[in-house]
Amino acid sequence: LLLRFGKLPRAGVELTIAAGLIGFAGYVWQGEPSQAGAPVERKDKPRAELDTALRAMRAATTDQYGDAAKVAEFADTLDRMGMTREAVIAVRTGMRKDPNNPDLWVALGNALVAHGGGALSPAAEFAFQRAATISPDHPAPPFFMGLALAKSGRAEDAGQVWRGLLARTPKDAGWRTDLEARLT
């Protein structure tokens, strides 16, 4: 059939049949179809849902509409699925269109912290500082920088960053109570 319908040259047909016979012989020799399979567990287990207070803080401090918000939400979704590398790539791709968006720099910092297993890497620290440089009055960079410091085990540094944010936060700001609770 291979010679007639497959339009293979005679040498190609002989080689194909030889490979098939060797494979069949190997299966007969070592194959055990009655043996139970061994399911493989996924190494990068999906992470739990984001803290609802954290979601509320993000909603209160960042722009919820526009391309930057879509990129940040997509990165969060990838992070929750355990695909932290892809989350970093997604944010960096979004930054090509708008490299001076502080919300994207904060999202990049968060994605880098998640990819680092909760550790604040120099790259993540740079991303938070860049966001703060672009928009000095924006509350998200110091809040999420403090959160990354706290996750990294640097509670004193986190408290210092958050106290600075609290000092300039208006009394009626929606995130003030959450920030005070985190400080205590």
C-alpha atoms as a PDB file:
ATOM      1  CA  LEU A   1       0.000   0.000   0.000  1.00  0.00           C
ATOM      2  CA  LEU A   2       2.842   2.400   0.792  1.00  0.00           C
ATOM      3  CA  LEU A   3       4.491   1.619  -2.514  1.00  0.00           C
ATOM      4  CA  ARG A   4       1.302   1.938  -4.523  1.00  0.00           C
ATOM      5  CA  PHE A   5      -0.658   4.723  -2.781  1.00  0.00           C
ATOM      6  CA  GLY A   6       2.038   6.417  -0.690  1.00  0.00           C
ATOM      7  CA  LYS A   7       4.141   6.998  -3.784  1.00  0.00           C
ATOM      8  CA  LEU A   8       7.318   6.253  -1.840  1.00  0.00           C
ATOM      9  CA  PRO A   9      10.371   4.936  -3.663  1.00  0.00           C
ATOM     10  CA  ARG A  10      11.151   1.266  -3.075  1.00  0.00           C
ATOM     11  CA  ALA A  11      14.058   2.084  -0.701  1.00  0.00           C
ATOM     12  CA  GLY A  12      11.784   4.353   1.350  1.00  0.00           C
ATOM     13  CA  VAL A  13       9.127   1.644   1.683  1.00  0.00           C
ATOM     14  CA  GLU A  14      11.684  -0.907   2.844  1.00  0.00           C
ATOM     15  CA  LEU A  15      13.068   1.533   5.417  1.00  0.00           C
ATOM     16  CA  THR A  16       9.567   2.379   6.704  1.00  0.00           C
ATOM     17  CA  ILE A  17       8.628  -1.302   7.054  1.00  0.00           C
ATOM     18  CA  ALA A  18      11.937  -2.048   8.831  1.00  0.00           C
ATOM     19  CA  ALA A  19      11.337   0.770  11.333  1.00  0.00           C
ATOM     20  CA  GLY A  20       7.807  -0.470  12.002  1.00  0.00           C
ATOM     21  CA  LEU A  21       9.000  -4.046  12.564  1.00  0.00           C
ATOM     22  CA  ILE A  22      11.734  -2.900  14.960  1.00  0.00           C
ATOM     23  CA  GLY A  23       9.158  -0.875  16.927  1.00  0.00           C
ATOM     24  CA  PHE A  24       6.765  -3.825  17.060  1.00  0.00           C
ATOM     25  CA  ALA A  25       9.578  -6.156  18.199  1.00  0.00           C
ATOM     26  CA  GLY A  26      10.512  -3.724  20.979  1.00  0.00           C
ATOM     27  CA  TYR A  27       6.904  -3.564  22.162  1.00  0.00           C
ATOM     28  CA  VAL A  28       6.579  -7.369  22.184  1.00  0.00           C
ATOM     29  CA  TRP A  29       9.855  -7.657  24.089  1.00  0.00           C
ATOM     30  CA  GLN A  30       9.312  -4.896  26.731  1.00  0.00           C
ATOM     31  CA  GLY A  31       5.695  -3.766  26.569  1.00  0.00           C
ATOM     32  CA  GLU A  32       3.297  -4.624  29.395  1.00  0.00           C
ATOM     33  CA  PRO A  33      -0.204  -3.476  28.483  1.00  0.00           C
ATOM     34  CA  SER A  34      -1.669  -4.947  31.675  1.00  0.00           C
ATOM     35  CA  GLN A  35       0.467  -2.703  33.929  1.00  0.00           C
ATOM     36  CA  ALA A  36      -1.337   0.252  35.490  1.00  0.00           C
ATOM     37  CA  GLY A  37      -0.390   3.753  34.384  1.00  0.00           C
ATOM     38  CA  ALA A  38       1.215   6.268  36.714  1.00  0.00           C
ATOM     39  CA  PRO A  39      -0.427   9.683  36.521  1.00  0.00           C
ATOM     40  CA  VAL A  40       2.003  12.570  36.774  1.00  0.00           C
ATOM     41  CA  GLU A  41       1.205  15.413  39.150  1.00  0.00           C
ATOM     42  CA  ARG A  42       1.668  18.943  37.940  1.00  0.00           C
ATOM     43  CA  LYS A  43       4.756  20.588  39.448  1.00  0.00           C
ATOM     44  CA  ASP A  44       3.515  24.158  39.320  1.00  0.00           C
ATOM     45  CA  LYS A  45       0.224  23.895  41.171  1.00  0.00           C
ATOM     46  CA  PRO A  46      -2.262  26.703  40.598  1.00  0.00           C
ATOM     47  CA  ARG A  47      -2.189  29.352  43.295  1.00  0.00           C
ATOM     48  CA  ALA A  48      -5.163  30.243  45.421  1.00  0.00           C
ATOM     49  CA  GLU A  49      -7.390  33.153  44.496  1.00  0.00           C
ATOM     50  CA  LEU A  50      -6.072  36.604  45.293  1.00  0.00           C
ATOM     51  CA  ASP A  51      -6.985  37.982  48.672  1.00  0.00           C
ATOM     52  CA  THR A  52     -10.254  39.919  48.356  1.00  0.00           C
ATOM     53  CA  ALA A  53      -8.752  42.848  50.274  1.00  0.00           C
ATOM     54  CA  LEU A  54      -5.857  42.866  47.831  1.00  0.00           C
ATOM     55  CA  ARG A  55      -8.291  42.939  44.901  1.00  0.00           C
ATOM     56  CA  ALA A  56     -10.140  45.830  46.541  1.00  0.00           C
ATOM     57  CA  MET A  57      -6.853  47.675  47.044  1.00  0.00           C
ATOM     58  CA  ARG A  58      -5.934  47.189  43.408  1.00  0.00           C
ATOM     59  CA  ALA A  59      -9.380  48.421  42.343  1.00  0.00           C
ATOM     60  CA  ALA A  60      -9.070  51.492  44.574  1.00  0.00           C
ATOM     61  CA  THR A  61      -5.530  52.459  43.587  1.00  0.00           C
ATOM     62  CA  THR A  62      -5.218  51.619  39.907  1.00  0.00           C
ATOM     63  CA  ASP A  63      -7.083  52.455  36.747  1.00  0.00           C
ATOM     64  CA  GLN A  64      -9.741  49.777  36.199  1.00  0.00           C
ATOM     65  CA  TYR A  65     -10.371  50.584  32.552  1.00  0.00           C
ATOM     66  CA  GLY A  66      -8.145  50.598  29.533  1.00  0.00           C
ATOM     67  CA  ASP A  67      -5.400  48.453  28.145  1.00  0.00           C
ATOM     68  CA  ALA A  68      -3.194  48.548  31.254  1.00  0.00           C
ATOM     69  CA  ALA A  69      -6.005  47.178  33.426  1.00  0.00           C
ATOM     70  CA  LYS A  70      -6.625  44.368  30.936  1.00  0.00           C
ATOM     71  CA  VAL A  71      -2.941  43.445  30.869  1.00  0.00           C
ATOM     72  CA  ALA A  72      -2.713  43.474  34.689  1.00  0.00           C
ATOM     73  CA  GLU A  73      -5.835  41.321  35.032  1.00  0.00           C
ATOM     74  CA  PHE A  74      -4.522  38.872  32.436  1.00  0.00           C
ATOM     75  CA  ALA A  75      -1.204  38.656  34.300  1.00  0.00           C
ATOM     76  CA  ASP A  76      -3.068  37.989  37.559  1.00  0.00           C
ATOM     77  CA  THR A  77      -5.029  35.225  35.869  1.00  0.00           C
ATOM     78  CA  LEU A  78      -1.841  33.619  34.568  1.00  0.00           C
ATOM     79  CA  ASP A  79      -0.316  33.937  38.031  1.00  0.00           C
ATOM     80  CA  ARG A  80      -3.306  32.199  39.659  1.00  0.00           C
ATOM     81  CA  MET A  81      -2.900  29.386  37.119  1.00  0.00           C
ATOM     82  CA  GLY A  82       0.711  28.942  38.214  1.00  0.00           C
ATOM     83  CA  MET A  83       2.085  30.377  34.964  1.00  0.00           C
ATOM     84  CA  THR A  84       4.215  33.089  36.532  1.00  0.00           C
ATOM     85  CA  ARG A  85       6.762  33.261  33.717  1.00  0.00           C
ATOM     86  CA  GLU A  86       3.991  33.849  31.216  1.00  0.00           C
ATOM     87  CA  ALA A  87       2.534  36.554  33.486  1.00  0.00           C
ATOM     88  CA  VAL A  88       5.841  38.454  33.354  1.00  0.00           C
ATOM     89  CA  ILE A  89       5.949  38.061  29.576  1.00  0.00           C
ATOM     90  CA  ALA A  90       2.356  39.307  29.257  1.00  0.00           C
ATOM     91  CA  VAL A  91       3.090  42.487  31.235  1.00  0.00           C
ATOM     92  CA  ARG A  92       6.316  43.159  29.347  1.00  0.00           C
ATOM     93  CA  THR A  93       4.434  42.734  26.081  1.00  0.00           C
ATOM     94  CA  GLY A  94       1.791  45.216  27.244  1.00  0.00           C
ATOM     95  CA  MET A  95       4.518  47.676  28.203  1.00  0.00           C
ATOM     96  CA  ARG A  96       5.718  47.898  24.620  1.00  0.00           C
ATOM     97  CA  LYS A  97       2.636  49.953  23.791  1.00  0.00           C
ATOM     98  CA  ASP A  98       2.729  52.143  26.908  1.00  0.00           C
ATOM     99  CA  PRO A  99       6.149  52.054  28.603  1.00  0.00           C
ATOM    100  CA  ASN A 100       5.424  54.988  30.929  1.00  0.00           C
ATOM    101  CA  ASN A 101       2.281  53.598  32.543  1.00  0.00           C
ATOM    102  CA  PRO A 102       2.785  53.282  36.323  1.00  0.00           C
ATOM    103  CA  ASP A 103       0.064  50.621  36.617  1.00  0.00           C
ATOM    104  CA  LEU A 104       1.948  48.401  34.176  1.00  0.00           C
ATOM    105  CA  TRP A 105       5.185  48.882  36.116  1.00  0.00           C
ATOM    106  CA  VAL A 106       3.353  47.881  39.311  1.00  0.00           C
ATOM    107  CA  ALA A 107       1.895  44.857  37.501  1.00  0.00           C
ATOM    108  CA  LEU A 108       5.407  43.940  36.331  1.00  0.00           C
ATOM    109  CA  GLY A 109       6.714  44.190  39.884  1.00  0.00           C
ATOM    110  CA  ASN A 110       3.889  41.988  41.163  1.00  0.00           C
ATOM    111  CA  ALA A 111       4.468  39.441  38.389  1.00  0.00           C
ATOM    112  CA  LEU A 112       8.210  39.342  39.125  1.00  0.00           C
ATOM    113  CA  VAL A 113       7.555  38.833  42.839  1.00  0.00           C
ATOM    114  CA  ALA A 114       5.152  35.976  42.043  1.00  0.00           C
ATOM    115  CA  HIS A 115       7.641  34.448  39.618  1.00  0.00           C
ATOM    116  CA  GLY A 116      10.343  34.652  42.283  1.00  0.00           C
ATOM    117  CA  GLY A 117       8.213  32.664  44.716  1.00  0.00           C
ATOM    118  CA  GLY A 118       7.331  35.706  46.810  1.00  0.00           C
ATOM    119  CA  ALA A 119      10.868  37.089  47.012  1.00  0.00           C
ATOM    120  CA  LEU A 120      11.500  40.709  46.124  1.00  0.00           C
ATOM    121  CA  SER A 121      14.133  40.545  43.402  1.00  0.00           C
ATOM    122  CA  PRO A 122      16.166  43.569  42.280  1.00  0.00           C
ATOM    123  CA  ALA A 123      14.155  43.584  39.036  1.00  0.00           C
ATOM    124  CA  ALA A 124      10.845  43.708  40.945  1.00  0.00           C
ATOM    125  CA  GLU A 125      12.178  46.447  43.213  1.00  0.00           C
ATOM    126  CA  PHE A 126      13.251  48.422  40.133  1.00  0.00           C
ATOM    127  CA  ALA A 127       9.759  48.022  38.626  1.00  0.00           C
ATOM    128  CA  PHE A 128       8.080  49.418  41.760  1.00  0.00           C
ATOM    129  CA  GLN A 129      10.582  52.289  41.968  1.00  0.00           C
ATOM    130  CA  ARG A 130      10.079  53.080  38.274  1.00  0.00           C
ATOM    131  CA  ALA A 131       6.308  53.257  38.826  1.00  0.00           C
ATOM    132  CA  ALA A 132       6.850  55.617  41.754  1.00  0.00           C
ATOM    133  CA  THR A 133       9.176  57.781  39.644  1.00  0.00           C
ATOM    134  CA  ILE A 134       6.651  58.021  36.813  1.00  0.00           C
ATOM    135  CA  SER A 135       3.793  58.918  39.163  1.00  0.00           C
ATOM    136  CA  PRO A 136       5.038  60.041  42.607  1.00  0.00           C
ATOM    137  CA  ASP A 137       1.524  60.578  44.032  1.00  0.00           C
ATOM    138  CA  HIS A 138       0.188  57.205  42.859  1.00  0.00           C
ATOM    139  CA  PRO A 139      -0.634  55.008  45.895  1.00  0.00           C
ATOM    140  CA  ALA A 140      -0.158  51.640  44.169  1.00  0.00           C
ATOM    141  CA  PRO A 141       3.669  51.587  43.875  1.00  0.00           C
ATOM    142  CA  PRO A 142       4.394  52.054  47.592  1.00  0.00           C
ATOM    143  CA  PHE A 143       1.529  49.774  48.640  1.00  0.00           C
ATOM    144  CA  PHE A 144       2.578  46.861  46.455  1.00  0.00           C
ATOM    145  CA  MET A 145       6.267  47.487  47.169  1.00  0.00           C
ATOM    146  CA  GLY A 146       5.458  47.206  50.871  1.00  0.00           C
ATOM    147  CA  LEU A 147       3.459  44.061  50.213  1.00  0.00           C
ATOM    148  CA  ALA A 148       6.403  42.527  48.341  1.00  0.00           C
ATOM    149  CA  LEU A 149       8.744  43.489  51.179  1.00  0.00           C
ATOM    150  CA  ALA A 150       6.393  41.883  53.699  1.00  0.00           C
ATOM    151  CA  LYS A 151       6.178  38.683  51.626  1.00  0.00           C
ATOM    152  CA  SER A 152       9.972  38.621  51.468  1.00  0.00           C
ATOM    153  CA  GLY A 153      10.194  38.661  55.259  1.00  0.00           C
ATOM    154  CA  ARG A 154      11.253  42.302  55.511  1.00  0.00           C
ATOM    155  CA  ALA A 155       8.388  43.487  57.713  1.00  0.00           C
ATOM    156  CA  GLU A 156      10.227  46.537  59.093  1.00  0.00           C
ATOM    157  CA  ASP A 157      10.990  47.814  55.603  1.00  0.00           C
ATOM    158  CA  ALA A 158       7.393  47.168  54.565  1.00  0.00           C
ATOM    159  CA  GLY A 159       6.140  49.089  57.592  1.00  0.00           C
ATOM    160  CA  GLN A 160       8.376  52.013  56.757  1.00  0.00           C
ATOM    161  CA  VAL A 161       7.082  52.170  53.173  1.00  0.00           C
ATOM    162  CA  TRP A 162       3.471  51.820  54.289  1.00  0.00           C
ATOM    163  CA  ARG A 163       3.835  54.470  57.019  1.00  0.00           C
ATOM    164  CA  GLY A 164       5.073  56.890  54.363  1.00  0.00           C
ATOM    165  CA  LEU A 165       2.051  56.058  52.204  1.00  0.00           C
ATOM    166  CA  LEU A 166      -0.316  56.391  55.157  1.00  0.00           C
ATOM    167  CA  ALA A 167       1.079  59.856  55.969  1.00  0.00           C
ATOM    168  CA  ARG A 168       0.057  61.163  52.547  1.00  0.00           C
ATOM    169  CA  THR A 169      -3.202  59.193  52.211  1.00  0.00           C
ATOM    170  CA  PRO A 170      -6.385  61.277  52.502  1.00  0.00           C
ATOM    171  CA  LYS A 171      -8.658  60.415  55.455  1.00  0.00           C
ATOM    172  CA  ASP A 172     -11.515  59.426  53.135  1.00  0.00           C
ATOM    173  CA  ALA A 173      -9.450  57.215  50.799  1.00  0.00           C
ATOM    174  CA  GLY A 174     -10.992  53.812  50.188  1.00  0.00           C
ATOM    175  CA  TRP A 175      -7.759  51.947  50.855  1.00  0.00           C
ATOM    176  CA  ARG A 176      -6.831  53.709  54.098  1.00  0.00           C
ATOM    177  CA  THR A 177      -8.503  51.188  56.436  1.00  0.00           C
ATOM    178  CA  ASP A 178      -6.844  48.248  54.662  1.00  0.00           C
ATOM    179  CA  LEU A 179      -3.474  49.987  54.850  1.00  0.00           C
ATOM    180  CA  GLU A 180      -3.932  50.702  58.581  1.00  0.00           C
ATOM    181  CA  ALA A 181      -4.909  47.080  59.169  1.00  0.00           C
ATOM    182  CA  ARG A 182      -1.816  45.843  57.377  1.00  0.00           C
ATOM    183  CA  LEU A 183       0.374  48.186  59.399  1.00  0.00           C
ATOM    184  CA  THR A 184      -0.996  46.889  62.701  1.00  0.00           C
END
